[in-house]
Amino acid sequence: MSATGMSVSGCAEIMDAWTELKKSTTTNAYIKFTIVSKKEGARRTGEFSFIEAVSRDDSKTNEEIWNQMIDGLGDDEGAFVVFDMRFEHGGRPMYRPLLVSWCPDTLGIADKMLIGSNKDQVKRDLDGIQ
């Protein structure tokens, strides 16, 4: 299973959502994207595909938004989620984008391998990720 040539930067929707999420004034709580796999003969390939950007509800805590995000992840598909973690440190508001790799046990072996083998590529393409 080769993922050579796959890059998040090849999907404009993901990169636009990432650029927006990096801003301290972002209205997004998290963005979600996946790898759509294709079988070409004996070889399986894939490409990154944007799923959604979810708006931040300032009346909710990080924990409530996190739980909402977890509830939105299905058992039938793998995904990557970039969560906008907001907190205070020394009285200063801070934020850190966190990468979550969602790979449920019910996912097929080939799809698990695609998700697992591309996490480092996602980290390289989305500069500033934790």
N, C-alpha and C. Protein backbone atom coordinates (compact mmCIF):
# COMPACT_ATOMS: atom_id res chain seq x y z
N MET A 1 0.84 -1.16 0.00
CA MET A 1 0.00 0.00 0.00
C MET A 1 0.89 1.23 0.00
N SER A 2 0.85 1.95 -1.05
CA SER A 2 1.70 3.11 -1.18
C SER A 2 0.87 4.38 -1.14
N ALA A 3 1.32 5.34 -0.38
CA ALA A 3 0.64 6.63 -0.31
C ALA A 3 1.53 7.70 -0.92
N THR A 4 2.47 7.30 -1.73
CA THR A 4 3.40 8.23 -2.34
C THR A 4 2.65 9.27 -3.17
N GLY A 5 3.01 10.51 -2.97
CA GLY A 5 2.41 11.59 -3.75
C GLY A 5 1.17 12.19 -3.12
N MET A 6 0.65 11.58 -2.05
CA MET A 6 -0.52 12.15 -1.40
C MET A 6 -0.10 13.35 -0.57
N SER A 7 -0.91 14.40 -0.66
CA SER A 7 -0.60 15.61 0.09
C SER A 7 -1.88 16.35 0.41
N VAL A 8 -1.99 16.82 1.64
CA VAL A 8 -3.15 17.61 2.04
C VAL A 8 -3.20 18.89 1.24
N SER A 9 -2.03 19.43 0.91
CA SER A 9 -1.98 20.71 0.18
C SER A 9 -2.60 20.61 -1.20
N GLY A 10 -2.87 19.39 -1.67
CA GLY A 10 -3.53 19.20 -2.97
C GLY A 10 -5.03 19.43 -2.91
N CYS A 11 -5.59 19.55 -1.71
CA CYS A 11 -7.03 19.79 -1.54
C CYS A 11 -7.22 21.23 -1.06
N ALA A 12 -7.69 22.08 -1.95
CA ALA A 12 -7.83 23.51 -1.63
C ALA A 12 -8.80 23.76 -0.48
N GLU A 13 -9.88 22.98 -0.38
CA GLU A 13 -10.84 23.19 0.70
C GLU A 13 -10.21 22.96 2.08
N ILE A 14 -9.39 21.92 2.19
CA ILE A 14 -8.72 21.64 3.46
C ILE A 14 -7.74 22.76 3.79
N MET A 15 -6.96 23.17 2.83
CA MET A 15 -5.97 24.22 3.07
C MET A 15 -6.63 25.55 3.43
N ASP A 16 -7.75 25.88 2.78
CA ASP A 16 -8.47 27.12 3.11
C ASP A 16 -9.02 27.06 4.54
N ALA A 17 -9.60 25.90 4.90
CA ALA A 17 -10.13 25.74 6.27
C ALA A 17 -9.00 25.79 7.29
N TRP A 18 -7.84 25.20 6.96
CA TRP A 18 -6.69 25.22 7.86
C TRP A 18 -6.17 26.65 8.04
N THR A 19 -6.09 27.40 6.96
CA THR A 19 -5.62 28.78 7.02
C THR A 19 -6.55 29.60 7.91
N GLU A 20 -7.84 29.37 7.79
CA GLU A 20 -8.81 30.07 8.64
C GLU A 20 -8.69 29.64 10.10
N LEU A 21 -8.51 28.35 10.36
CA LEU A 21 -8.43 27.84 11.73
C LEU A 21 -7.18 28.35 12.46
N LYS A 22 -6.09 28.59 11.73
CA LYS A 22 -4.85 29.07 12.36
C LYS A 22 -4.97 30.48 12.91
N LYS A 23 -5.91 31.25 12.40
CA LYS A 23 -6.06 32.63 12.86
C LYS A 23 -6.62 32.66 14.27
N SER A 24 -6.13 33.59 15.08
CA SER A 24 -6.63 33.70 16.46
C SER A 24 -8.08 34.20 16.48
N THR A 25 -8.54 34.76 15.39
CA THR A 25 -9.91 35.27 15.31
C THR A 25 -10.86 34.30 14.62
N THR A 26 -10.43 33.06 14.45
CA THR A 26 -11.25 32.09 13.73
C THR A 26 -12.59 31.85 14.40
N THR A 27 -13.59 31.54 13.61
CA THR A 27 -14.90 31.18 14.13
C THR A 27 -15.10 29.67 14.08
N ASN A 28 -14.11 28.94 13.60
CA ASN A 28 -14.22 27.49 13.50
C ASN A 28 -13.72 26.81 14.77
N ALA A 29 -14.45 25.79 15.21
CA ALA A 29 -14.04 25.00 16.37
C ALA A 29 -13.15 23.85 15.93
N TYR A 30 -13.45 23.27 14.78
CA TYR A 30 -12.64 22.19 14.24
C TYR A 30 -12.96 21.97 12.77
N ILE A 31 -12.01 21.33 12.09
CA ILE A 31 -12.23 20.93 10.70
C ILE A 31 -12.02 19.42 10.62
N LYS A 32 -12.75 18.79 9.72
CA LYS A 32 -12.68 17.35 9.58
C LYS A 32 -12.46 16.99 8.11
N PHE A 33 -11.53 16.06 7.87
CA PHE A 33 -11.30 15.59 6.50
C PHE A 33 -10.89 14.12 6.55
N THR A 34 -10.91 13.48 5.41
CA THR A 34 -10.64 12.05 5.35
C THR A 34 -9.81 11.72 4.11
N ILE A 35 -9.53 10.45 3.96
CA ILE A 35 -8.88 9.95 2.76
C ILE A 35 -9.88 9.08 2.03
N VAL A 36 -10.15 9.42 0.80
CA VAL A 36 -11.02 8.60 -0.04
C VAL A 36 -10.11 7.63 -0.78
N SER A 37 -10.31 6.33 -0.51
CA SER A 37 -9.43 5.34 -1.13
C SER A 37 -10.05 4.82 -2.43
N LYS A 38 -9.17 4.49 -3.34
CA LYS A 38 -9.56 3.96 -4.65
C LYS A 38 -8.73 2.73 -4.91
N LYS A 39 -9.36 1.73 -5.49
CA LYS A 39 -8.61 0.53 -5.84
C LYS A 39 -8.43 0.50 -7.35
N GLU A 40 -7.17 0.49 -7.76
CA GLU A 40 -6.83 0.44 -9.18
C GLU A 40 -6.05 -0.84 -9.43
N GLY A 41 -6.76 -1.88 -9.86
CA GLY A 41 -6.12 -3.18 -10.03
C GLY A 41 -5.75 -3.74 -8.67
N ALA A 42 -4.50 -4.09 -8.48
CA ALA A 42 -4.03 -4.63 -7.20
C ALA A 42 -3.55 -3.53 -6.26
N ARG A 43 -3.53 -2.33 -6.75
CA ARG A 43 -3.00 -1.20 -5.97
C ARG A 43 -4.12 -0.34 -5.42
N ARG A 44 -4.00 0.06 -4.17
CA ARG A 44 -4.97 0.95 -3.53
C ARG A 44 -4.32 2.32 -3.37
N THR A 45 -4.99 3.34 -3.83
CA THR A 45 -4.50 4.71 -3.69
C THR A 45 -5.57 5.54 -2.98
N GLY A 46 -5.26 6.75 -2.72
CA GLY A 46 -6.23 7.61 -2.06
C GLY A 46 -5.91 9.07 -2.26
N GLU A 47 -6.88 9.89 -1.90
CA GLU A 47 -6.68 11.33 -1.92
C GLU A 47 -7.44 11.94 -0.75
N PHE A 48 -6.94 13.06 -0.27
CA PHE A 48 -7.57 13.74 0.85
C PHE A 48 -8.85 14.42 0.38
N SER A 49 -9.87 14.38 1.23
CA SER A 49 -11.16 14.96 0.90
C SER A 49 -11.71 15.70 2.12
N PHE A 50 -12.11 16.94 1.92
CA PHE A 50 -12.67 17.79 2.98
C PHE A 50 -14.07 17.29 3.34
N ILE A 51 -14.38 17.21 4.65
CA ILE A 51 -15.72 16.82 5.09
C ILE A 51 -16.49 18.04 5.58
N GLU A 52 -15.94 18.74 6.61
CA GLU A 52 -16.66 19.89 7.14
C GLU A 52 -15.78 20.76 8.02
N ALA A 53 -16.22 22.00 8.18
CA ALA A 53 -15.65 22.92 9.16
C ALA A 53 -16.81 23.30 10.07
N VAL A 54 -16.64 23.09 11.37
CA VAL A 54 -17.72 23.33 12.33
C VAL A 54 -17.45 24.63 13.07
N SER A 55 -18.45 25.48 13.12
CA SER A 55 -18.32 26.79 13.76
C SER A 55 -18.26 26.67 15.27
N ARG A 56 -17.51 27.57 15.88
CA ARG A 56 -17.36 27.62 17.33
C ARG A 56 -18.59 28.29 17.96
N ASP A 57 -19.08 27.67 19.01
CA ASP A 57 -20.15 28.25 19.83
C ASP A 57 -19.49 28.72 21.12
N ASP A 58 -19.33 30.05 21.26
CA ASP A 58 -18.59 30.60 22.40
C ASP A 58 -19.25 30.34 23.75
N SER A 59 -20.51 29.90 23.74
CA SER A 59 -21.18 29.60 25.00
C SER A 59 -20.80 28.21 25.51
N LYS A 60 -20.09 27.43 24.69
CA LYS A 60 -19.68 26.07 25.08
C LYS A 60 -18.21 26.04 25.49
N THR A 61 -17.89 25.12 26.39
CA THR A 61 -16.51 24.93 26.82
C THR A 61 -15.78 24.06 25.81
N ASN A 62 -14.44 24.00 25.94
CA ASN A 62 -13.66 23.10 25.09
C ASN A 62 -14.15 21.67 25.21
N GLU A 63 -14.47 21.26 26.44
CA GLU A 63 -14.91 19.89 26.67
C GLU A 63 -16.23 19.59 25.95
N GLU A 64 -17.16 20.53 25.98
CA GLU A 64 -18.44 20.34 25.29
C GLU A 64 -18.25 20.28 23.78
N ILE A 65 -17.39 21.14 23.25
CA ILE A 65 -17.11 21.12 21.80
C ILE A 65 -16.40 19.82 21.42
N TRP A 66 -15.45 19.39 22.28
CA TRP A 66 -14.73 18.13 22.05
C TRP A 66 -15.73 16.96 22.00
N ASN A 67 -16.64 16.89 22.95
CA ASN A 67 -17.63 15.82 22.98
C ASN A 67 -18.55 15.85 21.76
N GLN A 68 -18.89 17.05 21.32
CA GLN A 68 -19.69 17.20 20.09
C GLN A 68 -18.91 16.64 18.90
N MET A 69 -17.62 16.94 18.85
CA MET A 69 -16.77 16.44 17.77
C MET A 69 -16.71 14.92 17.78
N ILE A 70 -16.49 14.33 18.97
CA ILE A 70 -16.40 12.87 19.10
C ILE A 70 -17.71 12.22 18.66
N ASP A 71 -18.83 12.80 19.06
CA ASP A 71 -20.14 12.26 18.68
C ASP A 71 -20.35 12.28 17.17
N GLY A 72 -19.70 13.21 16.47
CA GLY A 72 -19.84 13.32 15.03
C GLY A 72 -18.95 12.39 14.23
N LEU A 73 -18.07 11.66 14.92
CA LEU A 73 -17.19 10.72 14.23
C LEU A 73 -17.87 9.36 14.16
N GLY A 74 -17.94 8.81 12.97
CA GLY A 74 -18.64 7.54 12.78
C GLY A 74 -17.74 6.33 12.94
N ASP A 75 -18.37 5.17 13.09
CA ASP A 75 -17.64 3.92 13.20
C ASP A 75 -17.33 3.30 11.84
N ASP A 76 -17.82 3.95 10.78
CA ASP A 76 -17.66 3.36 9.46
C ASP A 76 -16.64 4.07 8.57
N GLU A 77 -16.00 5.12 9.09
CA GLU A 77 -14.98 5.80 8.29
C GLU A 77 -13.90 6.41 9.18
N GLY A 78 -12.70 6.43 8.66
CA GLY A 78 -11.59 7.08 9.34
C GLY A 78 -11.58 8.55 8.98
N ALA A 79 -10.95 9.34 9.80
CA ALA A 79 -10.91 10.78 9.53
C ALA A 79 -9.75 11.42 10.28
N PHE A 80 -9.41 12.61 9.85
CA PHE A 80 -8.50 13.48 10.56
C PHE A 80 -9.32 14.68 11.00
N VAL A 81 -9.09 15.13 12.24
CA VAL A 81 -9.77 16.30 12.75
C VAL A 81 -8.71 17.24 13.32
N VAL A 82 -8.81 18.51 13.00
CA VAL A 82 -7.95 19.51 13.61
C VAL A 82 -8.84 20.33 14.53
N PHE A 83 -8.59 20.21 15.83
CA PHE A 83 -9.40 20.84 16.87
C PHE A 83 -8.72 22.11 17.35
N ASP A 84 -9.47 23.19 17.44
CA ASP A 84 -8.94 24.48 17.90
C ASP A 84 -9.09 24.56 19.41
N MET A 85 -8.04 24.19 20.14
CA MET A 85 -8.06 24.18 21.61
C MET A 85 -7.81 25.59 22.13
N ARG A 86 -8.77 26.14 22.86
CA ARG A 86 -8.65 27.48 23.45
C ARG A 86 -8.46 27.36 24.95
N PHE A 87 -7.53 28.16 25.51
CA PHE A 87 -7.28 28.12 26.94
C PHE A 87 -6.56 29.40 27.36
N GLU A 88 -6.40 29.59 28.67
CA GLU A 88 -5.66 30.74 29.19
C GLU A 88 -4.39 30.24 29.87
N HIS A 89 -3.31 30.96 29.66
CA HIS A 89 -2.03 30.64 30.29
C HIS A 89 -1.43 31.94 30.82
N GLY A 90 -1.26 32.03 32.11
CA GLY A 90 -0.73 33.25 32.71
C GLY A 90 -1.62 34.45 32.46
N GLY A 91 -2.94 34.21 32.39
CA GLY A 91 -3.88 35.29 32.15
C GLY A 91 -4.03 35.70 30.70
N ARG A 92 -3.27 35.06 29.83
CA ARG A 92 -3.32 35.36 28.39
C ARG A 92 -4.15 34.31 27.66
N PRO A 93 -5.04 34.73 26.76
CA PRO A 93 -5.76 33.74 25.95
C PRO A 93 -4.79 33.08 24.96
N MET A 94 -4.86 31.75 24.87
CA MET A 94 -3.98 30.99 23.98
C MET A 94 -4.84 30.04 23.15
N TYR A 95 -4.28 29.56 22.05
CA TYR A 95 -4.95 28.53 21.28
C TYR A 95 -3.90 27.63 20.66
N ARG A 96 -4.25 26.36 20.51
CA ARG A 96 -3.37 25.38 19.90
C ARG A 96 -4.20 24.47 19.00
N PRO A 97 -3.83 24.35 17.77
CA PRO A 97 -4.53 23.38 16.91
C PRO A 97 -4.01 21.97 17.20
N LEU A 98 -4.92 21.05 17.49
CA LEU A 98 -4.56 19.67 17.81
C LEU A 98 -5.03 18.74 16.70
N LEU A 99 -4.16 17.85 16.26
CA LEU A 99 -4.52 16.89 15.23
C LEU A 99 -4.99 15.59 15.87
N VAL A 100 -6.18 15.15 15.47
CA VAL A 100 -6.74 13.88 15.93
C VAL A 100 -6.85 12.96 14.72
N SER A 101 -6.31 11.78 14.85
CA SER A 101 -6.41 10.77 13.81
C SER A 101 -7.44 9.75 14.27
N TRP A 102 -8.60 9.70 13.60
CA TRP A 102 -9.70 8.82 13.99
C TRP A 102 -9.68 7.58 13.11
N CYS A 103 -9.45 6.45 13.75
CA CYS A 103 -9.35 5.18 13.03
C CYS A 103 -10.06 4.10 13.86
N PRO A 104 -11.39 3.97 13.72
CA PRO A 104 -12.14 3.03 14.56
C PRO A 104 -11.79 1.57 14.27
N ASP A 105 -12.03 0.71 15.25
CA ASP A 105 -11.73 -0.72 15.12
C ASP A 105 -12.52 -1.38 14.00
N THR A 106 -13.68 -0.84 13.67
CA THR A 106 -14.54 -1.45 12.65
C THR A 106 -14.08 -1.14 11.23
N LEU A 107 -13.09 -0.29 11.08
CA LEU A 107 -12.57 0.08 9.77
C LEU A 107 -11.76 -1.06 9.18
N GLY A 108 -11.82 -1.23 7.87
CA GLY A 108 -11.04 -2.28 7.21
C GLY A 108 -9.54 -2.04 7.34
N ILE A 109 -8.78 -3.10 7.21
CA ILE A 109 -7.32 -3.04 7.36
C ILE A 109 -6.69 -2.05 6.39
N ALA A 110 -7.09 -2.10 5.13
CA ALA A 110 -6.49 -1.22 4.13
C ALA A 110 -6.75 0.25 4.46
N ASP A 111 -7.96 0.56 4.91
CA ASP A 111 -8.29 1.95 5.26
C ASP A 111 -7.55 2.38 6.53
N LYS A 112 -7.39 1.47 7.48
CA LYS A 112 -6.60 1.78 8.68
C LYS A 112 -5.16 2.12 8.30
N MET A 113 -4.63 1.36 7.36
CA MET A 113 -3.25 1.60 6.93
C MET A 113 -3.13 2.95 6.23
N LEU A 114 -4.12 3.32 5.43
CA LEU A 114 -4.09 4.63 4.76
C LEU A 114 -4.10 5.77 5.77
N ILE A 115 -4.96 5.67 6.78
CA ILE A 115 -5.04 6.71 7.80
C ILE A 115 -3.72 6.76 8.59
N GLY A 116 -3.28 5.61 9.07
CA GLY A 116 -2.07 5.56 9.90
C GLY A 116 -0.81 6.00 9.18
N SER A 117 -0.68 5.61 7.92
CA SER A 117 0.55 5.92 7.19
C SER A 117 0.60 7.36 6.70
N ASN A 118 -0.50 8.08 6.79
CA ASN A 118 -0.51 9.46 6.29
C ASN A 118 -0.56 10.52 7.39
N LYS A 119 -0.56 10.11 8.65
CA LYS A 119 -0.62 11.09 9.73
C LYS A 119 0.59 12.02 9.71
N ASP A 120 1.78 11.48 9.50
CA ASP A 120 2.98 12.32 9.44
C ASP A 120 2.91 13.29 8.26
N GLN A 121 2.36 12.84 7.14
CA GLN A 121 2.22 13.72 5.98
C GLN A 121 1.28 14.88 6.31
N VAL A 122 0.21 14.59 7.01
CA VAL A 122 -0.74 15.64 7.42
C VAL A 122 -0.02 16.65 8.32
N LYS A 123 0.76 16.15 9.28
CA LYS A 123 1.50 17.05 10.17
C LYS A 123 2.48 17.92 9.40
N ARG A 124 3.12 17.37 8.38
CA ARG A 124 4.07 18.16 7.58
C ARG A 124 3.34 19.22 6.76
N ASP A 125 2.20 18.86 6.18
CA ASP A 125 1.48 19.79 5.31
C ASP A 125 0.79 20.92 6.07
N LEU A 126 0.32 20.62 7.28
CA LEU A 126 -0.37 21.63 8.08
C LEU A 126 0.62 22.19 9.09
N ASP A 127 1.37 23.19 8.69
CA ASP A 127 2.41 23.75 9.55
C ASP A 127 1.81 24.35 10.81
N GLY A 128 2.46 24.09 11.95
CA GLY A 128 2.01 24.62 13.22
C GLY A 128 1.11 23.68 13.99
N ILE A 129 0.90 22.48 13.49
CA ILE A 129 0.01 21.52 14.16
C ILE A 129 0.71 20.90 15.36
N GLN A 130 -0.06 20.54 16.39
CA GLN A 130 0.51 19.91 17.60
C GLN A 130 0.31 18.42 17.55
